[in-house]
Amino acid sequence: METATPVKRRMPRPRADALRNRERIVAAAREMFVEFGPEVPFDEIARRAGVGNATVYRNFPDRDALAREVVCSVMDRTSEWIEAALVEGGDAFDALSRFVHFSADERIGALCPMLSAAFDQNHPDLYAARERTMDLIEALMRLAREAGQLRSDVESGDLMVAVSQLTRPLPGTACQGIDRFVHRHLQLFLDGLRAPARSVLPGVAATVEGLRTA
């Protein structure tokens, strides 16, 4: 008597409505983190997403899990944008400039404070998303530098510090109210990145590795 070969059970795929709910929660959380900061109550996020509190907790058991998903989703979109720009080719500094303005629209500066010292910086999902994004940013800068368009004394850390600071909402100021200034000031910053440089920068270039160990 032969023993029947056991049939491997497939892992159930998430239902389409469950995936949509998760996407709505992440989108609502991103908006509210930008508007009110990382301590916004879960019930407010649930209300904006149009789901129940239980649905939020079923997808994200704690605030760190939700914040990590929000940050990773922004970095994933950023990476996809840069990959498309690299495939498209064309003027390297123009691509770098468009990336900086794209970063402003993604509210990168408003989301950076969420990654506090208590946040697990080495979580595998966050680490993978961050490394992919930074590798692509450095590739974009390298192309502009090789084309003689980007000054040689700046590194990716310089770029990310400036973008984070210039896109971070001012205390007590509604985010929407400063949008008209953000892109204006970013363009001033980008003009300062162009080669040939018109001045000597003080100090040394900031690398991402240097920022992490500072």
N, C-alpha and C. Protein backbone atom coordinates (compact mmCIF):
# COMPACT_ATOMS: atom_id res chain seq x y z
N MET A 1 0.85 -1.20 0.00
CA MET A 1 0.00 0.00 0.00
C MET A 1 0.87 1.24 0.00
N GLU A 2 0.70 2.04 -1.00
CA GLU A 2 1.53 3.23 -1.12
C GLU A 2 0.96 4.37 -0.29
N THR A 3 1.89 5.10 0.31
CA THR A 3 1.47 6.27 1.10
C THR A 3 1.33 7.46 0.17
N ALA A 4 0.22 8.11 0.27
CA ALA A 4 -0.02 9.27 -0.60
C ALA A 4 0.97 10.38 -0.29
N THR A 5 1.47 11.01 -1.33
CA THR A 5 2.39 12.15 -1.15
C THR A 5 1.62 13.32 -0.57
N PRO A 6 2.09 13.85 0.56
CA PRO A 6 1.34 14.95 1.17
C PRO A 6 1.30 16.17 0.25
N VAL A 7 0.15 16.79 0.16
CA VAL A 7 -0.02 17.97 -0.67
C VAL A 7 0.37 19.20 0.13
N LYS A 8 1.27 20.01 -0.43
CA LYS A 8 1.70 21.23 0.25
C LYS A 8 0.59 22.26 0.19
N ARG A 9 0.29 22.81 1.33
CA ARG A 9 -0.74 23.83 1.39
C ARG A 9 -0.16 25.17 0.99
N ARG A 10 -0.89 25.87 0.18
CA ARG A 10 -0.45 27.21 -0.22
C ARG A 10 -0.80 28.21 0.88
N MET A 11 0.10 29.17 1.06
CA MET A 11 -0.19 30.24 2.00
C MET A 11 -1.33 31.07 1.43
N PRO A 12 -2.35 31.34 2.23
CA PRO A 12 -3.47 32.14 1.70
C PRO A 12 -3.01 33.54 1.31
N ARG A 13 -3.46 33.99 0.17
CA ARG A 13 -3.12 35.33 -0.28
C ARG A 13 -4.06 36.34 0.37
N PRO A 14 -3.53 37.49 0.73
CA PRO A 14 -4.42 38.50 1.33
C PRO A 14 -5.52 38.89 0.35
N ARG A 15 -6.70 39.08 0.87
CA ARG A 15 -7.81 39.50 0.03
C ARG A 15 -7.55 40.90 -0.51
N ALA A 16 -8.17 41.18 -1.67
CA ALA A 16 -7.96 42.48 -2.31
C ALA A 16 -8.43 43.61 -1.40
N ASP A 17 -9.55 43.38 -0.69
CA ASP A 17 -10.05 44.45 0.17
C ASP A 17 -9.13 44.66 1.36
N ALA A 18 -8.50 43.58 1.84
CA ALA A 18 -7.55 43.71 2.95
C ALA A 18 -6.32 44.52 2.52
N LEU A 19 -5.85 44.28 1.28
CA LEU A 19 -4.71 45.04 0.77
C LEU A 19 -5.07 46.51 0.59
N ARG A 20 -6.28 46.76 0.10
CA ARG A 20 -6.71 48.14 -0.06
C ARG A 20 -6.82 48.85 1.28
N ASN A 21 -7.32 48.15 2.28
CA ASN A 21 -7.40 48.74 3.62
C ASN A 21 -6.02 49.09 4.15
N ARG A 22 -5.07 48.21 3.95
CA ARG A 22 -3.71 48.46 4.42
C ARG A 22 -3.11 49.67 3.72
N GLU A 23 -3.33 49.75 2.41
CA GLU A 23 -2.82 50.90 1.65
C GLU A 23 -3.46 52.20 2.11
N ARG A 24 -4.77 52.15 2.41
CA ARG A 24 -5.46 53.35 2.90
C ARG A 24 -4.92 53.78 4.26
N ILE A 25 -4.63 52.81 5.11
CA ILE A 25 -4.09 53.13 6.44
C ILE A 25 -2.73 53.80 6.31
N VAL A 26 -1.87 53.25 5.47
CA VAL A 26 -0.52 53.81 5.29
C VAL A 26 -0.61 55.22 4.71
N ALA A 27 -1.47 55.42 3.72
CA ALA A 27 -1.62 56.74 3.11
C ALA A 27 -2.15 57.75 4.13
N ALA A 28 -3.15 57.35 4.92
CA ALA A 28 -3.71 58.25 5.93
C ALA A 28 -2.68 58.56 7.01
N ALA A 29 -1.92 57.56 7.42
CA ALA A 29 -0.90 57.77 8.45
C ALA A 29 0.18 58.72 7.96
N ARG A 30 0.58 58.57 6.71
CA ARG A 30 1.60 59.46 6.15
C ARG A 30 1.11 60.91 6.19
N GLU A 31 -0.13 61.13 5.75
CA GLU A 31 -0.68 62.49 5.75
C GLU A 31 -0.72 63.06 7.17
N MET A 32 -1.17 62.26 8.11
CA MET A 32 -1.36 62.77 9.47
C MET A 32 -0.05 62.91 10.22
N PHE A 33 0.93 62.05 9.93
CA PHE A 33 2.25 62.22 10.53
C PHE A 33 2.86 63.55 10.08
N VAL A 34 2.66 63.87 8.80
CA VAL A 34 3.17 65.13 8.28
C VAL A 34 2.46 66.31 8.93
N GLU A 35 1.15 66.22 9.05
CA GLU A 35 0.37 67.35 9.56
C GLU A 35 0.50 67.54 11.07
N PHE A 36 0.51 66.42 11.83
CA PHE A 36 0.41 66.53 13.28
C PHE A 36 1.56 65.90 14.05
N GLY A 37 2.49 65.21 13.35
CA GLY A 37 3.59 64.57 14.05
C GLY A 37 3.31 63.10 14.31
N PRO A 38 4.33 62.36 14.77
CA PRO A 38 4.23 60.91 14.90
C PRO A 38 3.32 60.42 16.03
N GLU A 39 2.89 61.30 16.92
CA GLU A 39 2.07 60.87 18.05
C GLU A 39 0.57 60.96 17.78
N VAL A 40 0.16 61.18 16.56
CA VAL A 40 -1.25 61.28 16.23
C VAL A 40 -1.97 59.98 16.65
N PRO A 41 -3.14 60.07 17.29
CA PRO A 41 -3.83 58.86 17.77
C PRO A 41 -4.23 57.92 16.63
N PHE A 42 -4.17 56.63 16.92
CA PHE A 42 -4.54 55.62 15.93
C PHE A 42 -5.99 55.78 15.49
N ASP A 43 -6.89 56.17 16.43
CA ASP A 43 -8.29 56.28 16.03
C ASP A 43 -8.51 57.38 15.00
N GLU A 44 -7.66 58.44 15.06
CA GLU A 44 -7.75 59.50 14.06
C GLU A 44 -7.27 59.00 12.70
N ILE A 45 -6.22 58.18 12.72
CA ILE A 45 -5.72 57.60 11.47
C ILE A 45 -6.78 56.68 10.87
N ALA A 46 -7.41 55.88 11.73
CA ALA A 46 -8.45 54.97 11.27
C ALA A 46 -9.61 55.75 10.66
N ARG A 47 -9.99 56.85 11.30
CA ARG A 47 -11.11 57.65 10.79
C ARG A 47 -10.79 58.22 9.41
N ARG A 48 -9.56 58.74 9.25
CA ARG A 48 -9.21 59.30 7.94
C ARG A 48 -9.11 58.21 6.87
N ALA A 49 -8.65 57.03 7.27
CA ALA A 49 -8.51 55.92 6.31
C ALA A 49 -9.86 55.29 5.98
N GLY A 50 -10.87 55.58 6.80
CA GLY A 50 -12.19 55.00 6.56
C GLY A 50 -12.30 53.56 6.99
N VAL A 51 -11.53 53.18 8.02
CA VAL A 51 -11.58 51.80 8.53
C VAL A 51 -11.78 51.86 10.04
N GLY A 52 -12.02 50.71 10.64
CA GLY A 52 -12.17 50.64 12.08
C GLY A 52 -10.83 50.54 12.79
N ASN A 53 -10.82 50.87 14.08
CA ASN A 53 -9.58 50.77 14.87
C ASN A 53 -9.00 49.37 14.83
N ALA A 54 -9.88 48.37 14.88
CA ALA A 54 -9.40 46.98 14.88
C ALA A 54 -8.63 46.65 13.61
N THR A 55 -9.05 47.24 12.50
CA THR A 55 -8.35 47.00 11.23
C THR A 55 -6.95 47.58 11.26
N VAL A 56 -6.81 48.75 11.87
CA VAL A 56 -5.48 49.36 12.01
C VAL A 56 -4.57 48.47 12.84
N TYR A 57 -5.07 48.02 14.00
CA TYR A 57 -4.24 47.20 14.89
C TYR A 57 -3.99 45.81 14.32
N ARG A 58 -4.88 45.32 13.51
CA ARG A 58 -4.67 44.01 12.88
C ARG A 58 -3.50 44.09 11.89
N ASN A 59 -3.36 45.21 11.23
CA ASN A 59 -2.27 45.38 10.27
C ASN A 59 -0.98 45.86 10.94
N PHE A 60 -1.13 46.71 11.96
CA PHE A 60 0.04 47.32 12.60
C PHE A 60 -0.15 47.28 14.11
N PRO A 61 0.51 46.33 14.78
CA PRO A 61 0.27 46.14 16.21
C PRO A 61 0.73 47.28 17.11
N ASP A 62 1.67 48.10 16.62
CA ASP A 62 2.11 49.24 17.42
C ASP A 62 2.53 50.39 16.52
N ARG A 63 2.83 51.51 17.15
CA ARG A 63 3.15 52.72 16.40
C ARG A 63 4.43 52.56 15.58
N ASP A 64 5.42 51.89 16.12
CA ASP A 64 6.68 51.69 15.38
C ASP A 64 6.44 50.93 14.07
N ALA A 65 5.57 49.91 14.13
CA ALA A 65 5.29 49.12 12.92
C ALA A 65 4.65 49.99 11.85
N LEU A 66 3.72 50.85 12.25
CA LEU A 66 3.06 51.72 11.28
C LEU A 66 4.02 52.78 10.75
N ALA A 67 4.79 53.40 11.65
CA ALA A 67 5.75 54.42 11.21
C ALA A 67 6.78 53.83 10.26
N ARG A 68 7.23 52.62 10.56
CA ARG A 68 8.22 51.97 9.70
C ARG A 68 7.64 51.72 8.31
N GLU A 69 6.38 51.28 8.27
CA GLU A 69 5.75 51.03 6.97
C GLU A 69 5.60 52.31 6.17
N VAL A 70 5.26 53.40 6.85
CA VAL A 70 5.12 54.69 6.18
C VAL A 70 6.46 55.12 5.59
N VAL A 71 7.51 55.06 6.40
CA VAL A 71 8.83 55.48 5.94
C VAL A 71 9.32 54.58 4.80
N CYS A 72 9.13 53.28 4.94
CA CYS A 72 9.57 52.35 3.89
C CYS A 72 8.81 52.60 2.59
N SER A 73 7.53 52.90 2.69
CA SER A 73 6.74 53.14 1.48
C SER A 73 7.23 54.39 0.75
N VAL A 74 7.59 55.41 1.51
CA VAL A 74 8.13 56.63 0.90
C VAL A 74 9.47 56.34 0.24
N MET A 75 10.33 55.59 0.92
CA MET A 75 11.64 55.26 0.34
C MET A 75 11.49 54.37 -0.88
N ASP A 76 10.53 53.46 -0.86
CA ASP A 76 10.31 52.61 -2.04
C ASP A 76 9.88 53.43 -3.24
N ARG A 77 8.96 54.38 -3.03
CA ARG A 77 8.54 55.25 -4.13
C ARG A 77 9.71 56.09 -4.63
N THR A 78 10.54 56.55 -3.70
CA THR A 78 11.72 57.34 -4.08
C THR A 78 12.67 56.51 -4.92
N SER A 79 12.92 55.28 -4.50
CA SER A 79 13.82 54.40 -5.25
C SER A 79 13.28 54.12 -6.64
N GLU A 80 11.98 53.87 -6.73
CA GLU A 80 11.38 53.60 -8.04
C GLU A 80 11.49 54.82 -8.94
N TRP A 81 11.34 56.02 -8.37
CA TRP A 81 11.46 57.24 -9.16
C TRP A 81 12.88 57.38 -9.71
N ILE A 82 13.88 57.16 -8.85
CA ILE A 82 15.27 57.30 -9.30
C ILE A 82 15.61 56.24 -10.35
N GLU A 83 15.16 55.01 -10.14
CA GLU A 83 15.43 53.95 -11.12
C GLU A 83 14.88 54.33 -12.49
N ALA A 84 13.68 54.89 -12.52
CA ALA A 84 13.09 55.31 -13.79
C ALA A 84 13.90 56.44 -14.42
N ALA A 85 14.38 57.37 -13.59
CA ALA A 85 15.18 58.48 -14.09
C ALA A 85 16.51 57.99 -14.66
N LEU A 86 17.11 57.00 -14.01
CA LEU A 86 18.38 56.46 -14.50
C LEU A 86 18.19 55.73 -15.83
N VAL A 87 17.09 55.03 -15.98
CA VAL A 87 16.80 54.33 -17.23
C VAL A 87 16.53 55.34 -18.35
N GLU A 88 15.84 56.41 -17.99
CA GLU A 88 15.48 57.44 -18.98
C GLU A 88 16.71 58.14 -19.53
N GLY A 89 17.73 58.31 -18.69
CA GLY A 89 18.94 58.99 -19.14
C GLY A 89 18.71 60.49 -19.28
N GLY A 90 19.45 61.11 -20.18
CA GLY A 90 19.32 62.56 -20.36
C GLY A 90 20.25 63.33 -19.46
N ASP A 91 19.95 64.60 -19.26
CA ASP A 91 20.80 65.49 -18.48
C ASP A 91 20.85 65.03 -17.02
N ALA A 92 22.06 64.74 -16.54
CA ALA A 92 22.22 64.16 -15.20
C ALA A 92 21.84 65.14 -14.10
N PHE A 93 22.24 66.41 -14.24
CA PHE A 93 21.91 67.37 -13.18
C PHE A 93 20.42 67.69 -13.18
N ASP A 94 19.81 67.67 -14.35
CA ASP A 94 18.36 67.88 -14.40
C ASP A 94 17.64 66.77 -13.66
N ALA A 95 18.12 65.52 -13.81
CA ALA A 95 17.51 64.39 -13.10
C ALA A 95 17.70 64.56 -11.59
N LEU A 96 18.89 65.00 -11.18
CA LEU A 96 19.15 65.23 -9.77
C LEU A 96 18.23 66.33 -9.22
N SER A 97 18.04 67.37 -9.99
CA SER A 97 17.17 68.47 -9.57
C SER A 97 15.73 68.00 -9.43
N ARG A 98 15.27 67.23 -10.39
CA ARG A 98 13.89 66.73 -10.32
C ARG A 98 13.71 65.79 -9.13
N PHE A 99 14.76 65.02 -8.81
CA PHE A 99 14.69 64.16 -7.63
C PHE A 99 14.53 64.99 -6.35
N VAL A 100 15.28 66.06 -6.23
CA VAL A 100 15.20 66.90 -5.04
C VAL A 100 13.79 67.47 -4.88
N HIS A 101 13.19 67.94 -5.96
CA HIS A 101 11.84 68.48 -5.88
C HIS A 101 10.81 67.36 -5.62
N PHE A 102 11.05 66.18 -6.17
CA PHE A 102 10.20 65.03 -5.87
C PHE A 102 10.25 64.70 -4.38
N SER A 103 11.44 64.77 -3.80
CA SER A 103 11.61 64.49 -2.37
C SER A 103 10.79 65.46 -1.53
N ALA A 104 10.72 66.69 -1.97
CA ALA A 104 9.92 67.68 -1.23
C ALA A 104 8.45 67.30 -1.27
N ASP A 105 7.97 66.86 -2.44
CA ASP A 105 6.57 66.46 -2.55
C ASP A 105 6.26 65.22 -1.72
N GLU A 106 7.27 64.39 -1.49
CA GLU A 106 7.09 63.20 -0.65
C GLU A 106 7.17 63.52 0.84
N ARG A 107 7.45 64.79 1.19
CA ARG A 107 7.51 65.24 2.59
C ARG A 107 8.60 64.51 3.38
N ILE A 108 9.75 64.30 2.74
CA ILE A 108 10.82 63.57 3.41
C ILE A 108 11.25 64.28 4.69
N GLY A 109 11.35 65.58 4.65
CA GLY A 109 11.79 66.32 5.82
C GLY A 109 10.83 66.20 6.99
N ALA A 110 9.54 66.11 6.70
CA ALA A 110 8.55 65.98 7.77
C ALA A 110 8.56 64.59 8.37
N LEU A 111 8.97 63.58 7.59
CA LEU A 111 8.96 62.21 8.09
C LEU A 111 10.24 61.84 8.81
N CYS A 112 11.33 62.55 8.55
CA CYS A 112 12.61 62.21 9.19
C CYS A 112 12.56 62.21 10.71
N PRO A 113 11.88 63.18 11.37
CA PRO A 113 11.85 63.16 12.84
C PRO A 113 11.21 61.91 13.42
N MET A 114 10.45 61.16 12.63
CA MET A 114 9.85 59.93 13.12
C MET A 114 10.90 58.89 13.44
N LEU A 115 12.05 58.97 12.77
CA LEU A 115 13.11 57.99 13.01
C LEU A 115 13.95 58.43 14.20
N SER A 116 13.34 58.43 15.37
CA SER A 116 14.01 58.89 16.58
C SER A 116 15.02 57.87 17.07
N ALA A 117 15.73 58.23 18.12
CA ALA A 117 16.75 57.33 18.67
C ALA A 117 16.12 56.02 19.16
N ALA A 118 14.85 56.08 19.59
CA ALA A 118 14.18 54.88 20.10
C ALA A 118 13.70 53.97 18.97
N PHE A 119 13.72 54.47 17.75
CA PHE A 119 13.24 53.71 16.61
C PHE A 119 14.28 52.68 16.20
N ASP A 120 13.83 51.48 15.82
CA ASP A 120 14.75 50.42 15.41
C ASP A 120 15.31 50.71 14.03
N GLN A 121 16.49 51.35 14.02
CA GLN A 121 17.10 51.75 12.74
C GLN A 121 17.59 50.55 11.93
N ASN A 122 17.79 49.41 12.59
CA ASN A 122 18.35 48.25 11.91
C ASN A 122 17.32 47.18 11.60
N HIS A 123 16.05 47.54 11.67
CA HIS A 123 15.02 46.58 11.28
C HIS A 123 15.28 46.19 9.82
N PRO A 124 15.19 44.90 9.48
CA PRO A 124 15.54 44.45 8.11
C PRO A 124 14.81 45.20 7.00
N ASP A 125 13.51 45.46 7.18
CA ASP A 125 12.75 46.16 6.14
C ASP A 125 13.26 47.59 5.95
N LEU A 126 13.47 48.28 7.07
CA LEU A 126 13.94 49.65 7.00
C LEU A 126 15.36 49.71 6.44
N TYR A 127 16.20 48.80 6.89
CA TYR A 127 17.59 48.77 6.43
C TYR A 127 17.66 48.55 4.92
N ALA A 128 16.88 47.58 4.42
CA ALA A 128 16.90 47.28 2.98
C ALA A 128 16.40 48.45 2.16
N ALA A 129 15.30 49.08 2.61
CA ALA A 129 14.75 50.22 1.87
C ALA A 129 15.72 51.38 1.87
N ARG A 130 16.36 51.62 3.02
CA ARG A 130 17.29 52.75 3.14
C ARG A 130 18.52 52.54 2.27
N GLU A 131 19.09 51.32 2.30
CA GLU A 131 20.30 51.05 1.51
C GLU A 131 20.02 51.16 0.01
N ARG A 132 18.88 50.65 -0.42
CA ARG A 132 18.51 50.74 -1.83
C ARG A 132 18.38 52.20 -2.26
N THR A 133 17.70 52.99 -1.43
CA THR A 133 17.49 54.40 -1.78
C THR A 133 18.81 55.15 -1.84
N MET A 134 19.67 54.96 -0.84
CA MET A 134 20.93 55.70 -0.80
C MET A 134 21.85 55.28 -1.94
N ASP A 135 21.88 54.01 -2.29
CA ASP A 135 22.70 53.56 -3.42
C ASP A 135 22.26 54.26 -4.71
N LEU A 136 20.96 54.40 -4.88
CA LEU A 136 20.44 55.04 -6.09
C LEU A 136 20.71 56.55 -6.09
N ILE A 137 20.60 57.19 -4.93
CA ILE A 137 20.90 58.62 -4.84
C ILE A 137 22.37 58.85 -5.19
N GLU A 138 23.24 58.02 -4.65
CA GLU A 138 24.67 58.16 -4.95
C GLU A 138 24.96 57.92 -6.43
N ALA A 139 24.23 56.99 -7.04
CA ALA A 139 24.41 56.76 -8.48
C ALA A 139 23.99 57.99 -9.27
N LEU A 140 22.90 58.62 -8.86
CA LEU A 140 22.42 59.83 -9.53
C LEU A 140 23.44 60.96 -9.39
N MET A 141 24.00 61.11 -8.19
CA MET A 141 25.00 62.15 -7.97
C MET A 141 26.29 61.85 -8.73
N ARG A 142 26.66 60.59 -8.81
CA ARG A 142 27.88 60.21 -9.51
C ARG A 142 27.80 60.57 -11.00
N LEU A 143 26.64 60.34 -11.60
CA LEU A 143 26.46 60.69 -13.01
C LEU A 143 26.59 62.19 -13.23
N ALA A 144 25.99 62.97 -12.33
CA ALA A 144 26.09 64.43 -12.46
C ALA A 144 27.52 64.90 -12.24
N ARG A 145 28.22 64.26 -11.33
CA ARG A 145 29.62 64.63 -11.06
C ARG A 145 30.51 64.28 -12.25
N GLU A 146 30.30 63.09 -12.82
CA GLU A 146 31.09 62.65 -13.97
C GLU A 146 30.83 63.52 -15.20
N ALA A 147 29.65 64.10 -15.27
CA ALA A 147 29.31 64.98 -16.38
C ALA A 147 29.86 66.39 -16.18
N GLY A 148 30.52 66.62 -15.03
CA GLY A 148 31.08 67.93 -14.74
C GLY A 148 30.03 68.95 -14.33
N GLN A 149 28.86 68.48 -13.92
CA GLN A 149 27.77 69.39 -13.57
C GLN A 149 27.62 69.59 -12.07
N LEU A 150 28.12 68.65 -11.28
CA LEU A 150 27.97 68.69 -9.83
C LEU A 150 29.32 68.97 -9.19
N ARG A 151 29.37 69.95 -8.30
CA ARG A 151 30.64 70.28 -7.66
C ARG A 151 31.19 69.05 -6.94
N SER A 152 32.51 68.97 -6.88
CA SER A 152 33.17 67.76 -6.40
C SER A 152 33.27 67.66 -4.89
N ASP A 153 32.93 68.74 -4.18
CA ASP A 153 33.13 68.74 -2.73
C ASP A 153 31.85 68.50 -1.95
N VAL A 154 30.85 67.86 -2.57
CA VAL A 154 29.63 67.49 -1.85
C VAL A 154 29.38 66.00 -2.01
N GLU A 155 28.77 65.42 -0.99
CA GLU A 155 28.45 64.00 -1.00
C GLU A 155 26.96 63.82 -0.71
N SER A 156 26.53 62.57 -0.74
CA SER A 156 25.11 62.28 -0.55
C SER A 156 24.59 62.74 0.80
N GLY A 157 25.45 62.72 1.82
CA GLY A 157 25.03 63.20 3.14
C GLY A 157 24.70 64.68 3.12
N ASP A 158 25.50 65.46 2.40
CA ASP A 158 25.22 66.90 2.25
C ASP A 158 23.84 67.10 1.62
N LEU A 159 23.57 66.32 0.58
CA LEU A 159 22.30 66.46 -0.14
C LEU A 159 21.13 66.13 0.77
N MET A 160 21.22 65.01 1.51
CA MET A 160 20.09 64.58 2.32
C MET A 160 19.86 65.48 3.52
N VAL A 161 20.92 66.01 4.11
CA VAL A 161 20.74 66.96 5.22
C VAL A 161 20.00 68.19 4.74
N ALA A 162 20.44 68.73 3.59
CA ALA A 162 19.80 69.93 3.06
C ALA A 162 18.34 69.68 2.69
N VAL A 163 18.08 68.58 2.00
CA VAL A 163 16.71 68.28 1.61
C VAL A 163 15.83 68.08 2.84
N SER A 164 16.34 67.38 3.85
CA SER A 164 15.56 67.15 5.06
C SER A 164 15.24 68.45 5.77
N GLN A 165 16.22 69.34 5.86
CA GLN A 165 16.00 70.60 6.56
C GLN A 165 15.08 71.53 5.78
N LEU A 166 15.27 71.60 4.48
CA LEU A 166 14.50 72.55 3.67
C LEU A 166 13.07 72.09 3.43
N THR A 167 12.78 70.80 3.62
CA THR A 167 11.41 70.32 3.42
C THR A 167 10.70 70.03 4.73
N ARG A 168 11.32 70.38 5.85
CA ARG A 168 10.69 70.15 7.15
C ARG A 168 9.82 71.34 7.51
N PRO A 169 8.56 71.10 7.87
CA PRO A 169 7.68 72.22 8.21
C PRO A 169 8.22 73.02 9.38
N LEU A 170 8.06 74.34 9.32
CA LEU A 170 8.48 75.19 10.41
C LEU A 170 7.55 75.02 11.60
N PRO A 171 8.06 75.09 12.84
CA PRO A 171 7.19 74.94 14.01
C PRO A 171 6.06 75.96 13.98
N GLY A 172 4.84 75.46 14.21
CA GLY A 172 3.69 76.35 14.26
C GLY A 172 3.20 76.82 12.92
N THR A 173 3.76 76.24 11.82
CA THR A 173 3.36 76.67 10.48
C THR A 173 2.68 75.52 9.76
N ALA A 174 1.52 75.75 9.19
CA ALA A 174 0.84 74.70 8.43
C ALA A 174 1.68 74.30 7.23
N CYS A 175 1.79 72.99 7.00
CA CYS A 175 2.63 72.50 5.89
C CYS A 175 2.22 73.11 4.56
N GLN A 176 0.89 73.18 4.34
CA GLN A 176 0.43 73.67 3.04
C GLN A 176 0.84 75.13 2.82
N GLY A 177 0.99 75.90 3.90
CA GLY A 177 1.28 77.31 3.77
C GLY A 177 2.69 77.62 3.32
N ILE A 178 3.60 76.66 3.47
CA ILE A 178 4.98 76.95 3.09
C ILE A 178 5.40 76.26 1.80
N ASP A 179 4.46 75.56 1.16
CA ASP A 179 4.81 74.86 -0.07
C ASP A 179 5.43 75.78 -1.11
N ARG A 180 4.91 76.99 -1.22
CA ARG A 180 5.41 77.90 -2.25
C ARG A 180 6.84 78.33 -1.97
N PHE A 181 7.28 78.22 -0.72
CA PHE A 181 8.66 78.57 -0.38
C PHE A 181 9.60 77.38 -0.51
N VAL A 182 9.09 76.17 -0.25
CA VAL A 182 9.94 74.99 -0.25
C VAL A 182 10.64 74.81 -1.59
N HIS A 183 9.89 74.79 -2.68
CA HIS A 183 10.51 74.55 -3.99
C HIS A 183 11.39 75.74 -4.41
N ARG A 184 11.04 76.90 -3.99
CA ARG A 184 11.87 78.08 -4.28
C ARG A 184 13.24 77.95 -3.60
N HIS A 185 13.23 77.58 -2.32
CA HIS A 185 14.48 77.47 -1.58
C HIS A 185 15.30 76.25 -2.03
N LEU A 186 14.61 75.19 -2.41
CA LEU A 186 15.33 74.04 -2.94
C LEU A 186 16.06 74.40 -4.23
N GLN A 187 15.44 75.24 -5.06
CA GLN A 187 16.10 75.64 -6.30
C GLN A 187 17.34 76.49 -6.02
N LEU A 188 17.27 77.33 -5.00
CA LEU A 188 18.46 78.09 -4.60
C LEU A 188 19.57 77.14 -4.17
N PHE A 189 19.22 76.11 -3.41
CA PHE A 189 20.19 75.11 -2.98
C PHE A 189 20.79 74.38 -4.17
N LEU A 190 19.94 73.99 -5.14
CA LEU A 190 20.43 73.27 -6.31
C LEU A 190 21.40 74.12 -7.13
N ASP A 191 21.12 75.42 -7.23
CA ASP A 191 22.04 76.31 -7.96
C ASP A 191 23.41 76.31 -7.29
N GLY A 192 23.42 76.16 -5.96
CA GLY A 192 24.69 76.12 -5.23
C GLY A 192 25.45 74.82 -5.42
N LEU A 193 24.77 73.77 -5.89
CA LEU A 193 25.43 72.48 -6.12
C LEU A 193 26.12 72.42 -7.48
N ARG A 194 25.79 73.34 -8.36
CA ARG A 194 26.32 73.25 -9.72
C ARG A 194 27.82 73.53 -9.79
N ALA A 195 28.46 72.82 -10.68
CA ALA A 195 29.87 73.07 -10.98
C ALA A 195 29.91 74.01 -12.19
N PRO A 196 30.93 74.89 -12.26
CA PRO A 196 32.02 75.02 -11.28
C PRO A 196 31.57 75.74 -10.01
N ALA A 197 32.18 75.36 -8.90
CA ALA A 197 31.84 75.97 -7.62
C ALA A 197 32.34 77.40 -7.56
N ARG A 198 31.56 78.28 -6.95
CA ARG A 198 31.94 79.69 -6.83
C ARG A 198 32.57 80.01 -5.49
N SER A 199 32.64 79.04 -4.61
CA SER A 199 33.25 79.27 -3.30
C SER A 199 33.77 77.95 -2.76
N VAL A 200 34.57 78.05 -1.72
CA VAL A 200 35.10 76.86 -1.05
C VAL A 200 34.24 76.59 0.18
N LEU A 201 33.73 75.37 0.28
CA LEU A 201 32.88 75.03 1.42
C LEU A 201 33.73 74.79 2.66
N PRO A 202 33.30 75.28 3.81
CA PRO A 202 34.02 74.99 5.05
C PRO A 202 33.81 73.55 5.48
N GLY A 203 34.72 73.01 6.25
CA GLY A 203 34.58 71.65 6.75
C GLY A 203 34.79 70.61 5.67
N VAL A 204 34.26 69.41 5.93
CA VAL A 204 34.41 68.30 4.98
C VAL A 204 33.04 67.85 4.51
N ALA A 205 33.04 67.18 3.37
CA ALA A 205 31.77 66.69 2.82
C ALA A 205 31.15 65.67 3.76
N ALA A 206 29.82 65.70 3.86
CA ALA A 206 29.10 64.77 4.73
C ALA A 206 28.66 63.55 3.94
N THR A 207 29.11 62.39 4.39
CA THR A 207 28.65 61.14 3.80
C THR A 207 27.53 60.57 4.67
N VAL A 208 26.76 59.68 4.10
CA VAL A 208 25.69 59.05 4.88
C VAL A 208 26.28 58.23 6.02
N GLU A 209 27.39 57.53 5.75
CA GLU A 209 28.03 56.75 6.81
C GLU A 209 28.51 57.65 7.94
N GLY A 210 29.02 58.81 7.58
CA GLY A 210 29.48 59.75 8.60
C GLY A 210 28.34 60.26 9.45
N LEU A 211 27.19 60.51 8.83
CA LEU A 211 26.03 60.97 9.58
C LEU A 211 25.54 59.92 10.56
N ARG A 212 25.62 58.66 10.17
CA ARG A 212 25.15 57.58 11.04
C ARG A 212 26.02 57.40 12.27
N THR A 213 27.30 57.70 12.14
CA THR A 213 28.21 57.49 13.26
C THR A 213 28.47 58.76 14.04
N ALA A 214 27.89 59.89 13.61
CA ALA A 214 28.14 61.16 14.29
C ALA A 214 27.51 61.19 15.68
